[in-house]
Amino acid sequence: MQLTKYAFYNAVAGFFEMPTNDATKLLPKHLQSLEVQHQRSILAITAFQFTETEVGSYNEIVLSVIVPPRVEPNRPIPNAAFYPFMVGVTTPESRKHAIERWHLPHYMNDIDIEFSESSQGLAVHVQEDDTPILDLTVTDFAKEPDTLLFNAFTVDAEDNFKVNIFMEGQHSEHEEETGSLKLYPHEMTEGLDLDDISSVPFREQWFHRGLQTFEELESI
């Protein structure tokens, strides 16, 4: 099996409640959202500081709807399963790579993604020129070495795909509800009701100094 590896300095995620009606509109027909409570689905905002990849170093922001994972025999149970509906990156090379290899839907302009680390946590500011897109804060917790499996689902004009992704590194995960999210009107946030998305995550994850490993893309 061919593996694709991406080394990163930080990878953080916040999980926020969103209206199921909006999530359904963003999903392809073969997927359904995972609800945290009745009519409330999950928006995941994930940010990466990639340091070593096939296309150099770059930063990435991913907006996803959480869906049920695919459990496979003799494999770990996935920590979560994502349907990324919008990806933004800081370099054209990384955008071309992710579209061609993983069929990930991208905002087609380079954006700015800034990471600011403090003793309280990690703040991520995303903007295009002078226009803000989002602000995400993930707070710190005790980190321990860990390796977790995730699923990601993508589509193109003809096929549906799944890929297994392993994340390893110093890992923190908690439900202290101490992070935050601010979304701004922008092409990347179209399709979201900005006033009906929780501003506080019910779950936060942080991987530090780690490796993201993609298995081969599968048609489903």
N, C-alpha and C. Protein backbone atom coordinates (compact mmCIF):
# COMPACT_ATOMS: atom_id res chain seq x y z
N MET A 1 0.84 -1.20 0.00
CA MET A 1 0.00 0.00 0.00
C MET A 1 0.88 1.25 0.00
N GLN A 2 0.56 2.19 -0.88
CA GLN A 2 1.29 3.45 -0.93
C GLN A 2 0.74 4.40 0.13
N LEU A 3 1.62 4.94 0.94
CA LEU A 3 1.24 5.88 1.99
C LEU A 3 1.74 7.27 1.63
N THR A 4 0.96 8.29 1.97
CA THR A 4 1.34 9.69 1.77
C THR A 4 1.45 10.34 3.13
N LYS A 5 2.61 10.93 3.42
CA LYS A 5 2.89 11.44 4.76
C LYS A 5 3.08 12.95 4.74
N TYR A 6 2.56 13.59 5.78
CA TYR A 6 2.65 15.03 5.96
C TYR A 6 3.10 15.30 7.40
N ALA A 7 4.30 15.84 7.56
CA ALA A 7 4.77 16.21 8.89
C ALA A 7 4.21 17.59 9.26
N PHE A 8 3.83 17.74 10.52
CA PHE A 8 3.26 19.02 10.95
C PHE A 8 3.82 19.43 12.30
N TYR A 9 3.76 20.74 12.55
CA TYR A 9 4.14 21.27 13.85
C TYR A 9 2.93 21.31 14.78
N ASN A 10 1.81 21.83 14.27
CA ASN A 10 0.56 21.83 15.01
C ASN A 10 -0.59 21.41 14.10
N ALA A 11 -1.52 20.66 14.67
CA ALA A 11 -2.79 20.33 14.01
C ALA A 11 -3.87 20.41 15.07
N VAL A 12 -4.83 21.31 14.89
CA VAL A 12 -5.86 21.52 15.90
C VAL A 12 -7.24 21.41 15.27
N ALA A 13 -8.22 21.03 16.08
CA ALA A 13 -9.59 20.91 15.60
C ALA A 13 -10.56 21.31 16.69
N GLY A 14 -11.61 22.01 16.29
CA GLY A 14 -12.73 22.31 17.16
C GLY A 14 -14.00 21.76 16.55
N PHE A 15 -14.88 21.22 17.39
CA PHE A 15 -16.13 20.61 16.94
C PHE A 15 -17.29 21.44 17.49
N PHE A 16 -18.14 21.94 16.59
CA PHE A 16 -19.16 22.91 16.94
C PHE A 16 -20.54 22.44 16.46
N GLU A 17 -21.57 22.75 17.24
CA GLU A 17 -22.92 22.43 16.81
C GLU A 17 -23.35 23.33 15.65
N MET A 18 -24.07 22.73 14.68
CA MET A 18 -24.62 23.47 13.55
C MET A 18 -25.99 22.89 13.22
N PRO A 19 -26.84 23.60 12.49
CA PRO A 19 -28.16 23.06 12.13
C PRO A 19 -28.03 21.86 11.19
N THR A 20 -28.77 20.81 11.50
CA THR A 20 -28.74 19.63 10.63
C THR A 20 -29.23 19.97 9.22
N ASN A 21 -30.17 20.88 9.10
CA ASN A 21 -30.67 21.27 7.78
C ASN A 21 -29.53 21.81 6.91
N ASP A 22 -28.66 22.63 7.49
CA ASP A 22 -27.52 23.16 6.74
C ASP A 22 -26.52 22.06 6.41
N ALA A 23 -26.28 21.17 7.37
CA ALA A 23 -25.33 20.07 7.14
C ALA A 23 -25.80 19.19 5.99
N THR A 24 -27.10 18.90 5.95
CA THR A 24 -27.64 18.04 4.90
C THR A 24 -27.44 18.65 3.52
N LYS A 25 -27.59 19.96 3.41
CA LYS A 25 -27.40 20.64 2.13
C LYS A 25 -25.95 20.56 1.65
N LEU A 26 -25.01 20.47 2.57
CA LEU A 26 -23.59 20.42 2.21
C LEU A 26 -23.12 19.02 1.85
N LEU A 27 -23.87 18.00 2.26
CA LEU A 27 -23.43 16.61 2.08
C LEU A 27 -23.91 16.03 0.76
N PRO A 28 -23.11 15.12 0.16
CA PRO A 28 -23.61 14.35 -0.98
C PRO A 28 -24.68 13.37 -0.52
N LYS A 29 -25.43 12.84 -1.48
CA LYS A 29 -26.61 12.03 -1.16
C LYS A 29 -26.29 10.77 -0.38
N HIS A 30 -25.08 10.21 -0.55
CA HIS A 30 -24.77 8.92 0.09
C HIS A 30 -24.29 9.07 1.53
N LEU A 31 -24.17 10.30 2.02
CA LEU A 31 -23.72 10.53 3.39
C LEU A 31 -24.80 11.25 4.18
N GLN A 32 -24.82 11.00 5.49
CA GLN A 32 -25.70 11.73 6.38
C GLN A 32 -24.89 12.25 7.55
N SER A 33 -25.36 13.33 8.13
CA SER A 33 -24.62 13.94 9.23
C SER A 33 -24.80 13.14 10.51
N LEU A 34 -23.83 13.25 11.38
CA LEU A 34 -23.91 12.68 12.72
C LEU A 34 -24.42 13.77 13.65
N GLU A 35 -25.53 13.52 14.33
CA GLU A 35 -26.11 14.54 15.19
C GLU A 35 -25.61 14.41 16.62
N VAL A 36 -25.35 15.55 17.24
CA VAL A 36 -24.96 15.57 18.64
C VAL A 36 -26.21 15.67 19.52
N GLN A 37 -27.27 16.22 18.97
CA GLN A 37 -28.60 16.19 19.56
C GLN A 37 -29.59 16.42 18.42
N HIS A 38 -30.89 16.32 18.70
CA HIS A 38 -31.88 16.38 17.64
C HIS A 38 -31.75 17.68 16.84
N GLN A 39 -31.60 17.52 15.52
CA GLN A 39 -31.50 18.63 14.56
C GLN A 39 -30.25 19.49 14.75
N ARG A 40 -29.27 18.96 15.46
CA ARG A 40 -27.99 19.68 15.62
C ARG A 40 -26.86 18.74 15.20
N SER A 41 -26.23 19.07 14.10
CA SER A 41 -25.11 18.30 13.58
C SER A 41 -23.80 18.95 13.99
N ILE A 42 -22.70 18.51 13.39
CA ILE A 42 -21.37 18.91 13.87
C ILE A 42 -20.55 19.51 12.74
N LEU A 43 -20.11 20.74 12.94
CA LEU A 43 -19.15 21.40 12.07
C LEU A 43 -17.77 21.26 12.69
N ALA A 44 -16.83 20.73 11.94
CA ALA A 44 -15.44 20.62 12.41
C ALA A 44 -14.59 21.64 11.67
N ILE A 45 -13.82 22.40 12.42
CA ILE A 45 -12.84 23.33 11.86
C ILE A 45 -11.46 22.80 12.24
N THR A 46 -10.65 22.48 11.24
CA THR A 46 -9.33 21.88 11.47
C THR A 46 -8.27 22.75 10.82
N ALA A 47 -7.19 23.00 11.54
CA ALA A 47 -6.10 23.83 11.03
C ALA A 47 -4.77 23.09 11.18
N PHE A 48 -3.95 23.17 10.14
CA PHE A 48 -2.67 22.46 10.10
C PHE A 48 -1.53 23.42 9.78
N GLN A 49 -0.40 23.20 10.46
CA GLN A 49 0.89 23.81 10.11
C GLN A 49 1.79 22.71 9.57
N PHE A 50 1.78 22.51 8.27
CA PHE A 50 2.58 21.45 7.67
C PHE A 50 4.02 21.94 7.46
N THR A 51 4.96 21.12 7.90
CA THR A 51 6.37 21.50 7.82
C THR A 51 7.16 20.75 6.76
N GLU A 52 6.71 19.53 6.42
CA GLU A 52 7.43 18.72 5.44
C GLU A 52 6.43 17.84 4.69
N THR A 53 6.27 18.12 3.39
CA THR A 53 5.36 17.35 2.54
C THR A 53 5.96 17.25 1.14
N GLU A 54 5.28 16.54 0.26
CA GLU A 54 5.72 16.44 -1.13
C GLU A 54 5.73 17.80 -1.82
N VAL A 55 4.93 18.73 -1.31
CA VAL A 55 4.82 20.05 -1.96
C VAL A 55 5.30 21.16 -1.03
N GLY A 56 6.21 20.82 -0.11
CA GLY A 56 6.81 21.83 0.75
C GLY A 56 5.97 22.13 1.98
N SER A 57 6.32 23.19 2.67
CA SER A 57 5.61 23.60 3.87
C SER A 57 4.45 24.53 3.49
N TYR A 58 3.36 24.42 4.23
CA TYR A 58 2.20 25.29 4.00
C TYR A 58 1.24 25.15 5.17
N ASN A 59 0.30 26.06 5.24
CA ASN A 59 -0.76 26.00 6.25
C ASN A 59 -2.09 25.70 5.57
N GLU A 60 -2.99 25.08 6.32
CA GLU A 60 -4.26 24.63 5.75
C GLU A 60 -5.38 24.79 6.76
N ILE A 61 -6.56 25.18 6.28
CA ILE A 61 -7.77 25.21 7.09
C ILE A 61 -8.83 24.37 6.39
N VAL A 62 -9.53 23.52 7.15
CA VAL A 62 -10.52 22.61 6.58
C VAL A 62 -11.84 22.77 7.32
N LEU A 63 -12.92 22.98 6.57
CA LEU A 63 -14.27 23.02 7.11
C LEU A 63 -14.97 21.73 6.71
N SER A 64 -15.49 21.00 7.68
CA SER A 64 -16.07 19.68 7.43
C SER A 64 -17.37 19.49 8.19
N VAL A 65 -18.21 18.61 7.66
CA VAL A 65 -19.35 18.07 8.40
C VAL A 65 -18.96 16.69 8.91
N ILE A 66 -19.24 16.42 10.18
CA ILE A 66 -18.93 15.11 10.76
C ILE A 66 -20.03 14.12 10.37
N VAL A 67 -19.61 12.94 9.91
CA VAL A 67 -20.52 11.89 9.46
C VAL A 67 -20.16 10.59 10.18
N PRO A 68 -21.02 9.57 10.14
CA PRO A 68 -20.67 8.30 10.77
C PRO A 68 -19.44 7.67 10.12
N PRO A 69 -18.54 7.10 10.90
CA PRO A 69 -17.34 6.45 10.34
C PRO A 69 -17.67 5.09 9.75
N ARG A 70 -16.72 4.57 8.96
CA ARG A 70 -16.80 3.21 8.43
C ARG A 70 -15.92 2.32 9.30
N VAL A 71 -16.54 1.41 10.02
CA VAL A 71 -15.79 0.49 10.88
C VAL A 71 -15.41 -0.73 10.06
N GLU A 72 -14.12 -1.07 10.06
CA GLU A 72 -13.61 -2.17 9.25
C GLU A 72 -13.07 -3.27 10.15
N PRO A 73 -13.21 -4.53 9.74
CA PRO A 73 -12.69 -5.65 10.54
C PRO A 73 -11.18 -5.51 10.78
N ASN A 74 -10.78 -5.81 12.00
CA ASN A 74 -9.36 -5.84 12.38
C ASN A 74 -8.67 -4.49 12.23
N ARG A 75 -9.46 -3.41 12.27
CA ARG A 75 -8.89 -2.07 12.24
C ARG A 75 -9.40 -1.31 13.45
N PRO A 76 -8.66 -0.30 13.91
CA PRO A 76 -9.16 0.52 15.01
C PRO A 76 -10.47 1.21 14.63
N ILE A 77 -11.28 1.52 15.63
CA ILE A 77 -12.49 2.30 15.38
C ILE A 77 -12.08 3.74 15.13
N PRO A 78 -12.52 4.36 14.03
CA PRO A 78 -12.12 5.74 13.76
C PRO A 78 -12.57 6.69 14.87
N ASN A 79 -11.70 7.63 15.19
CA ASN A 79 -12.03 8.64 16.18
C ASN A 79 -13.16 9.54 15.68
N ALA A 80 -13.17 9.82 14.37
CA ALA A 80 -14.21 10.64 13.75
C ALA A 80 -14.12 10.45 12.25
N ALA A 81 -15.19 10.83 11.56
CA ALA A 81 -15.22 10.78 10.10
C ALA A 81 -15.67 12.14 9.58
N PHE A 82 -14.97 12.65 8.57
CA PHE A 82 -15.16 14.00 8.07
C PHE A 82 -15.63 13.99 6.62
N TYR A 83 -16.53 14.90 6.28
CA TYR A 83 -16.77 15.25 4.88
C TYR A 83 -16.31 16.70 4.70
N PRO A 84 -15.10 16.92 4.18
CA PRO A 84 -14.62 18.29 3.97
C PRO A 84 -15.38 18.94 2.81
N PHE A 85 -16.03 20.07 3.09
CA PHE A 85 -16.75 20.77 2.02
C PHE A 85 -16.03 22.04 1.57
N MET A 86 -14.99 22.45 2.31
CA MET A 86 -14.21 23.62 1.91
C MET A 86 -12.83 23.54 2.54
N VAL A 87 -11.80 23.73 1.71
CA VAL A 87 -10.42 23.71 2.17
C VAL A 87 -9.73 24.97 1.65
N GLY A 88 -8.95 25.60 2.51
CA GLY A 88 -8.15 26.75 2.10
C GLY A 88 -6.70 26.52 2.47
N VAL A 89 -5.79 26.93 1.59
CA VAL A 89 -4.36 26.73 1.82
C VAL A 89 -3.59 27.99 1.45
N THR A 90 -2.31 27.98 1.81
CA THR A 90 -1.48 29.17 1.63
C THR A 90 -0.59 29.12 0.40
N THR A 91 -0.59 27.99 -0.34
CA THR A 91 0.27 27.89 -1.52
C THR A 91 -0.49 27.22 -2.67
N PRO A 92 -0.21 27.61 -3.91
CA PRO A 92 -0.87 26.96 -5.05
C PRO A 92 -0.45 25.51 -5.24
N GLU A 93 0.78 25.17 -4.88
CA GLU A 93 1.26 23.79 -5.04
C GLU A 93 0.49 22.83 -4.15
N SER A 94 0.23 23.24 -2.91
CA SER A 94 -0.51 22.36 -2.00
C SER A 94 -1.97 22.21 -2.44
N ARG A 95 -2.53 23.26 -2.98
CA ARG A 95 -3.91 23.19 -3.47
C ARG A 95 -4.02 22.21 -4.64
N LYS A 96 -3.13 22.33 -5.61
CA LYS A 96 -3.13 21.44 -6.78
C LYS A 96 -2.95 19.99 -6.35
N HIS A 97 -2.03 19.75 -5.42
CA HIS A 97 -1.76 18.40 -4.92
C HIS A 97 -3.00 17.78 -4.29
N ALA A 98 -3.67 18.53 -3.41
CA ALA A 98 -4.82 17.98 -2.67
C ALA A 98 -6.03 17.76 -3.57
N ILE A 99 -6.20 18.62 -4.56
CA ILE A 99 -7.32 18.44 -5.49
C ILE A 99 -7.09 17.21 -6.36
N GLU A 100 -5.88 17.08 -6.90
CA GLU A 100 -5.61 15.97 -7.81
C GLU A 100 -5.56 14.62 -7.09
N ARG A 101 -4.96 14.58 -5.90
CA ARG A 101 -4.79 13.29 -5.23
C ARG A 101 -5.99 12.89 -4.39
N TRP A 102 -6.60 13.85 -3.70
CA TRP A 102 -7.65 13.51 -2.72
C TRP A 102 -9.02 14.03 -3.10
N HIS A 103 -9.15 14.77 -4.20
CA HIS A 103 -10.43 15.32 -4.65
C HIS A 103 -11.05 16.24 -3.58
N LEU A 104 -10.22 16.98 -2.89
CA LEU A 104 -10.72 17.88 -1.85
C LEU A 104 -11.18 19.20 -2.47
N PRO A 105 -12.35 19.69 -2.09
CA PRO A 105 -12.87 20.95 -2.64
C PRO A 105 -12.15 22.15 -2.02
N HIS A 106 -11.59 23.00 -2.85
CA HIS A 106 -10.76 24.10 -2.37
C HIS A 106 -11.31 25.46 -2.77
N TYR A 107 -11.06 26.43 -1.90
CA TYR A 107 -11.13 27.83 -2.29
C TYR A 107 -9.90 28.09 -3.15
N MET A 108 -10.09 28.68 -4.32
CA MET A 108 -9.04 28.66 -5.33
C MET A 108 -8.05 29.80 -5.25
N ASN A 109 -8.14 30.64 -4.22
CA ASN A 109 -7.14 31.67 -3.99
C ASN A 109 -6.29 31.31 -2.77
N ASP A 110 -5.04 31.75 -2.77
CA ASP A 110 -4.21 31.61 -1.58
C ASP A 110 -4.78 32.49 -0.47
N ILE A 111 -4.74 31.99 0.75
CA ILE A 111 -5.20 32.76 1.90
C ILE A 111 -4.08 32.82 2.94
N ASP A 112 -4.28 33.66 3.94
CA ASP A 112 -3.32 33.78 5.05
C ASP A 112 -3.88 33.02 6.25
N ILE A 113 -3.04 32.16 6.84
CA ILE A 113 -3.43 31.39 8.02
C ILE A 113 -2.32 31.57 9.06
N GLU A 114 -2.63 32.28 10.13
CA GLU A 114 -1.64 32.61 11.15
C GLU A 114 -1.93 31.84 12.44
N PHE A 115 -0.88 31.25 13.01
CA PHE A 115 -0.98 30.51 14.27
C PHE A 115 -0.27 31.30 15.36
N SER A 116 -0.95 31.48 16.50
CA SER A 116 -0.36 32.18 17.65
C SER A 116 -0.51 31.31 18.88
N GLU A 117 0.62 30.80 19.37
CA GLU A 117 0.60 29.89 20.51
C GLU A 117 0.91 30.63 21.80
N SER A 118 0.18 30.31 22.85
CA SER A 118 0.40 30.89 24.17
C SER A 118 0.28 29.80 25.21
N SER A 119 0.44 30.17 26.47
CA SER A 119 0.31 29.18 27.54
C SER A 119 -1.12 28.69 27.68
N GLN A 120 -2.09 29.47 27.18
CA GLN A 120 -3.49 29.07 27.28
C GLN A 120 -3.94 28.18 26.12
N GLY A 121 -3.28 28.29 24.98
CA GLY A 121 -3.73 27.50 23.84
C GLY A 121 -3.17 28.03 22.53
N LEU A 122 -3.90 27.74 21.45
CA LEU A 122 -3.46 28.09 20.10
C LEU A 122 -4.58 28.85 19.41
N ALA A 123 -4.26 30.04 18.91
CA ALA A 123 -5.22 30.85 18.16
C ALA A 123 -4.86 30.79 16.69
N VAL A 124 -5.87 30.59 15.84
CA VAL A 124 -5.69 30.52 14.40
C VAL A 124 -6.53 31.62 13.77
N HIS A 125 -5.88 32.51 13.03
CA HIS A 125 -6.58 33.59 12.33
C HIS A 125 -6.45 33.36 10.84
N VAL A 126 -7.58 33.35 10.14
CA VAL A 126 -7.61 33.08 8.70
C VAL A 126 -8.21 34.29 8.00
N GLN A 127 -7.51 34.78 6.97
CA GLN A 127 -8.02 35.92 6.22
C GLN A 127 -7.53 35.86 4.78
N GLU A 128 -8.22 36.61 3.91
CA GLU A 128 -7.79 36.80 2.54
C GLU A 128 -7.57 38.29 2.33
N ASP A 129 -6.32 38.68 2.08
CA ASP A 129 -5.97 40.10 2.04
C ASP A 129 -6.40 40.73 3.37
N ASP A 130 -7.31 41.71 3.33
CA ASP A 130 -7.75 42.35 4.57
C ASP A 130 -9.11 41.84 5.04
N THR A 131 -9.61 40.78 4.40
CA THR A 131 -10.94 40.28 4.73
C THR A 131 -10.84 39.07 5.65
N PRO A 132 -11.36 39.15 6.88
CA PRO A 132 -11.30 37.99 7.77
C PRO A 132 -12.23 36.88 7.31
N ILE A 133 -11.82 35.64 7.57
CA ILE A 133 -12.62 34.46 7.23
C ILE A 133 -13.08 33.75 8.50
N LEU A 134 -12.14 33.47 9.40
CA LEU A 134 -12.52 32.87 10.67
C LEU A 134 -11.41 33.04 11.69
N ASP A 135 -11.80 32.96 12.95
CA ASP A 135 -10.87 32.92 14.09
C ASP A 135 -11.23 31.70 14.93
N LEU A 136 -10.25 30.84 15.15
CA LEU A 136 -10.42 29.62 15.94
C LEU A 136 -9.42 29.62 17.08
N THR A 137 -9.89 29.29 18.27
CA THR A 137 -9.01 29.11 19.42
C THR A 137 -9.24 27.73 20.02
N VAL A 138 -8.16 26.99 20.20
CA VAL A 138 -8.19 25.68 20.85
C VAL A 138 -7.31 25.76 22.09
N THR A 139 -7.83 25.32 23.22
CA THR A 139 -7.10 25.45 24.47
C THR A 139 -6.31 24.19 24.79
N ASP A 140 -5.31 24.37 25.62
CA ASP A 140 -4.37 23.28 25.91
C ASP A 140 -4.91 22.39 27.02
N PHE A 141 -4.41 21.18 27.01
CA PHE A 141 -4.73 20.18 28.03
C PHE A 141 -3.50 19.29 28.09
N ALA A 142 -3.45 18.36 29.01
CA ALA A 142 -2.29 17.48 29.11
C ALA A 142 -2.14 16.65 27.83
N LYS A 143 -0.95 16.74 27.22
CA LYS A 143 -0.70 16.01 25.98
C LYS A 143 0.04 14.70 26.28
N GLU A 144 -0.32 13.67 25.52
CA GLU A 144 0.35 12.37 25.60
C GLU A 144 0.54 11.84 24.20
N PRO A 145 1.58 11.02 23.98
CA PRO A 145 1.76 10.43 22.65
C PRO A 145 0.56 9.56 22.28
N ASP A 146 0.09 9.71 21.05
CA ASP A 146 -1.08 8.94 20.64
C ASP A 146 -1.10 8.82 19.12
N THR A 147 -1.80 7.80 18.64
CA THR A 147 -2.07 7.61 17.21
C THR A 147 -3.55 7.31 17.06
N LEU A 148 -4.23 8.10 16.23
CA LEU A 148 -5.67 7.94 16.04
C LEU A 148 -5.98 7.79 14.56
N LEU A 149 -7.03 7.01 14.29
CA LEU A 149 -7.51 6.82 12.92
C LEU A 149 -8.72 7.71 12.67
N PHE A 150 -8.74 8.33 11.49
CA PHE A 150 -9.89 9.12 11.04
C PHE A 150 -10.27 8.67 9.63
N ASN A 151 -11.54 8.85 9.28
CA ASN A 151 -12.00 8.69 7.90
C ASN A 151 -12.24 10.06 7.29
N ALA A 152 -11.97 10.18 5.99
CA ALA A 152 -12.40 11.35 5.23
C ALA A 152 -13.11 10.87 3.98
N PHE A 153 -14.19 11.53 3.63
CA PHE A 153 -14.97 11.20 2.44
C PHE A 153 -14.90 12.36 1.46
N THR A 154 -14.68 12.05 0.18
CA THR A 154 -14.64 13.07 -0.86
C THR A 154 -15.40 12.55 -2.08
N VAL A 155 -15.66 13.45 -3.01
CA VAL A 155 -16.38 13.10 -4.23
C VAL A 155 -15.77 13.84 -5.41
N ASP A 156 -16.02 13.31 -6.61
CA ASP A 156 -15.80 14.08 -7.83
C ASP A 156 -17.04 13.92 -8.69
N ALA A 157 -16.96 14.29 -9.96
CA ALA A 157 -18.14 14.26 -10.82
C ALA A 157 -18.68 12.86 -11.04
N GLU A 158 -17.84 11.84 -10.87
CA GLU A 158 -18.23 10.48 -11.22
C GLU A 158 -18.23 9.50 -10.05
N ASP A 159 -17.39 9.72 -9.03
CA ASP A 159 -17.19 8.71 -7.99
C ASP A 159 -17.28 9.30 -6.59
N ASN A 160 -17.47 8.39 -5.63
CA ASN A 160 -17.40 8.70 -4.21
C ASN A 160 -16.18 7.99 -3.63
N PHE A 161 -15.50 8.64 -2.69
CA PHE A 161 -14.24 8.11 -2.18
C PHE A 161 -14.21 8.14 -0.66
N LYS A 162 -13.38 7.27 -0.12
CA LYS A 162 -13.03 7.27 1.31
C LYS A 162 -11.53 7.07 1.44
N VAL A 163 -10.94 7.74 2.43
CA VAL A 163 -9.53 7.51 2.72
C VAL A 163 -9.36 7.43 4.23
N ASN A 164 -8.52 6.50 4.68
CA ASN A 164 -8.15 6.40 6.08
C ASN A 164 -6.95 7.30 6.35
N ILE A 165 -7.03 8.06 7.43
CA ILE A 165 -5.97 9.00 7.80
C ILE A 165 -5.56 8.71 9.24
N PHE A 166 -4.27 8.49 9.45
CA PHE A 166 -3.74 8.30 10.80
C PHE A 166 -3.03 9.58 11.24
N MET A 167 -3.36 10.02 12.44
CA MET A 167 -2.71 11.17 13.06
C MET A 167 -1.91 10.68 14.26
N GLU A 168 -0.64 11.05 14.31
CA GLU A 168 0.19 10.67 15.45
C GLU A 168 1.00 11.87 15.92
N GLY A 169 1.23 11.92 17.22
CA GLY A 169 2.00 13.00 17.81
C GLY A 169 1.61 13.17 19.26
N GLN A 170 2.07 14.26 19.86
CA GLN A 170 1.65 14.61 21.21
C GLN A 170 0.22 15.12 21.12
N HIS A 171 -0.71 14.43 21.80
CA HIS A 171 -2.14 14.65 21.55
C HIS A 171 -2.86 15.08 22.81
N SER A 172 -3.74 16.07 22.65
CA SER A 172 -4.64 16.51 23.70
C SER A 172 -6.06 16.50 23.16
N GLU A 173 -7.00 15.99 23.95
CA GLU A 173 -8.41 16.01 23.56
C GLU A 173 -9.25 16.21 24.81
N HIS A 174 -10.17 17.16 24.77
CA HIS A 174 -10.98 17.43 25.96
C HIS A 174 -12.31 18.06 25.56
N GLU A 175 -13.22 18.12 26.53
CA GLU A 175 -14.55 18.70 26.34
C GLU A 175 -14.80 19.75 27.41
N GLU A 176 -13.80 20.60 27.64
CA GLU A 176 -13.90 21.62 28.67
C GLU A 176 -14.66 22.86 28.21
N GLU A 177 -14.95 22.97 26.90
CA GLU A 177 -15.68 24.09 26.32
C GLU A 177 -14.99 25.42 26.63
N THR A 178 -13.69 25.46 26.37
CA THR A 178 -12.91 26.67 26.63
C THR A 178 -12.36 27.31 25.36
N GLY A 179 -12.56 26.68 24.21
CA GLY A 179 -12.13 27.27 22.95
C GLY A 179 -13.18 28.22 22.40
N SER A 180 -12.96 28.68 21.16
CA SER A 180 -13.91 29.63 20.57
C SER A 180 -13.82 29.60 19.06
N LEU A 181 -14.88 30.10 18.41
CA LEU A 181 -14.93 30.22 16.95
C LEU A 181 -15.69 31.48 16.58
N LYS A 182 -15.13 32.23 15.63
CA LYS A 182 -15.81 33.36 15.03
C LYS A 182 -15.72 33.19 13.52
N LEU A 183 -16.87 33.09 12.86
CA LEU A 183 -16.95 32.98 11.41
C LEU A 183 -17.39 34.31 10.82
N TYR A 184 -16.81 34.66 9.67
CA TYR A 184 -17.14 35.91 8.99
C TYR A 184 -17.73 35.61 7.61
N PRO A 185 -18.55 36.53 7.08
CA PRO A 185 -19.06 36.33 5.72
C PRO A 185 -17.92 36.30 4.70
N HIS A 186 -17.84 35.22 3.94
CA HIS A 186 -16.78 35.03 2.95
C HIS A 186 -17.21 33.86 2.08
N GLU A 187 -16.61 33.75 0.91
CA GLU A 187 -16.94 32.64 0.02
C GLU A 187 -16.68 31.29 0.68
N MET A 188 -15.67 31.21 1.56
CA MET A 188 -15.37 29.94 2.22
C MET A 188 -16.46 29.53 3.21
N THR A 189 -17.22 30.48 3.73
CA THR A 189 -18.24 30.16 4.73
C THR A 189 -19.66 30.19 4.16
N GLU A 190 -19.78 30.30 2.83
CA GLU A 190 -21.10 30.25 2.21
C GLU A 190 -21.74 28.88 2.47
N GLY A 191 -23.03 28.89 2.65
CA GLY A 191 -23.74 27.65 2.97
C GLY A 191 -23.89 27.41 4.45
N LEU A 192 -23.25 28.26 5.26
CA LEU A 192 -23.36 28.16 6.71
C LEU A 192 -24.21 29.30 7.25
N ASP A 193 -25.09 29.01 8.18
CA ASP A 193 -25.82 30.04 8.90
C ASP A 193 -24.93 30.51 10.04
N LEU A 194 -24.24 31.62 9.81
CA LEU A 194 -23.21 32.05 10.76
C LEU A 194 -23.79 32.37 12.14
N ASP A 195 -25.08 32.71 12.19
CA ASP A 195 -25.70 33.05 13.47
C ASP A 195 -26.21 31.83 14.22
N ASP A 196 -26.19 30.66 13.57
CA ASP A 196 -26.74 29.45 14.21
C ASP A 196 -25.68 28.35 14.35
N ILE A 197 -24.43 28.76 14.44
CA ILE A 197 -23.33 27.83 14.71
C ILE A 197 -22.75 28.18 16.07
N SER A 198 -22.56 27.20 16.90
CA SER A 198 -22.04 27.44 18.25
C SER A 198 -20.69 28.14 18.17
N SER A 199 -20.48 29.09 19.05
CA SER A 199 -19.21 29.80 19.10
C SER A 199 -18.21 29.13 20.04
N VAL A 200 -18.68 28.13 20.79
CA VAL A 200 -17.82 27.40 21.74
C VAL A 200 -17.81 25.93 21.35
N PRO A 201 -16.64 25.31 21.20
CA PRO A 201 -16.60 23.89 20.81
C PRO A 201 -16.99 22.98 21.97
N PHE A 202 -17.72 21.90 21.63
CA PHE A 202 -18.00 20.91 22.67
C PHE A 202 -16.87 19.90 22.78
N ARG A 203 -15.96 19.90 21.80
CA ARG A 203 -14.77 19.05 21.86
C ARG A 203 -13.62 19.77 21.16
N GLU A 204 -12.41 19.60 21.70
CA GLU A 204 -11.21 20.20 21.11
C GLU A 204 -10.11 19.14 21.03
N GLN A 205 -9.35 19.19 19.94
CA GLN A 205 -8.20 18.30 19.76
C GLN A 205 -6.98 19.11 19.35
N TRP A 206 -5.82 18.64 19.80
CA TRP A 206 -4.56 19.30 19.44
C TRP A 206 -3.49 18.22 19.33
N PHE A 207 -2.92 18.10 18.14
CA PHE A 207 -1.73 17.28 17.92
C PHE A 207 -0.54 18.22 17.73
N HIS A 208 0.58 17.87 18.35
CA HIS A 208 1.78 18.70 18.28
C HIS A 208 2.96 17.86 17.82
N ARG A 209 3.74 18.44 16.88
CA ARG A 209 4.95 17.78 16.37
C ARG A 209 4.65 16.33 15.95
N GLY A 210 3.87 16.19 14.91
CA GLY A 210 3.42 14.86 14.53
C GLY A 210 3.45 14.59 13.05
N LEU A 211 2.74 13.53 12.69
CA LEU A 211 2.72 13.05 11.31
C LEU A 211 1.29 12.65 10.95
N GLN A 212 0.85 13.13 9.80
CA GLN A 212 -0.43 12.74 9.23
C GLN A 212 -0.15 11.79 8.07
N THR A 213 -0.73 10.59 8.12
CA THR A 213 -0.47 9.57 7.10
C THR A 213 -1.77 9.17 6.43
N PHE A 214 -1.82 9.37 5.11
CA PHE A 214 -2.97 8.95 4.31
C PHE A 214 -2.70 7.57 3.72
N GLU A 215 -3.67 6.67 3.88
CA GLU A 215 -3.63 5.44 3.10
C GLU A 215 -4.13 5.74 1.68
N GLU A 216 -4.24 4.71 0.85
CA GLU A 216 -4.67 4.94 -0.52
C GLU A 216 -6.16 5.28 -0.58
N LEU A 217 -6.52 6.12 -1.53
CA LEU A 217 -7.91 6.50 -1.74
C LEU A 217 -8.71 5.30 -2.25
N GLU A 218 -9.89 5.09 -1.68
CA GLU A 218 -10.76 3.98 -2.09
C GLU A 218 -12.04 4.51 -2.71
N SER A 219 -12.48 3.89 -3.80
CA SER A 219 -13.81 4.17 -4.34
C SER A 219 -14.85 3.41 -3.51
N ILE A 220 -15.97 4.06 -3.22
CA ILE A 220 -17.01 3.42 -2.41
C ILE A 220 -18.36 3.50 -3.13
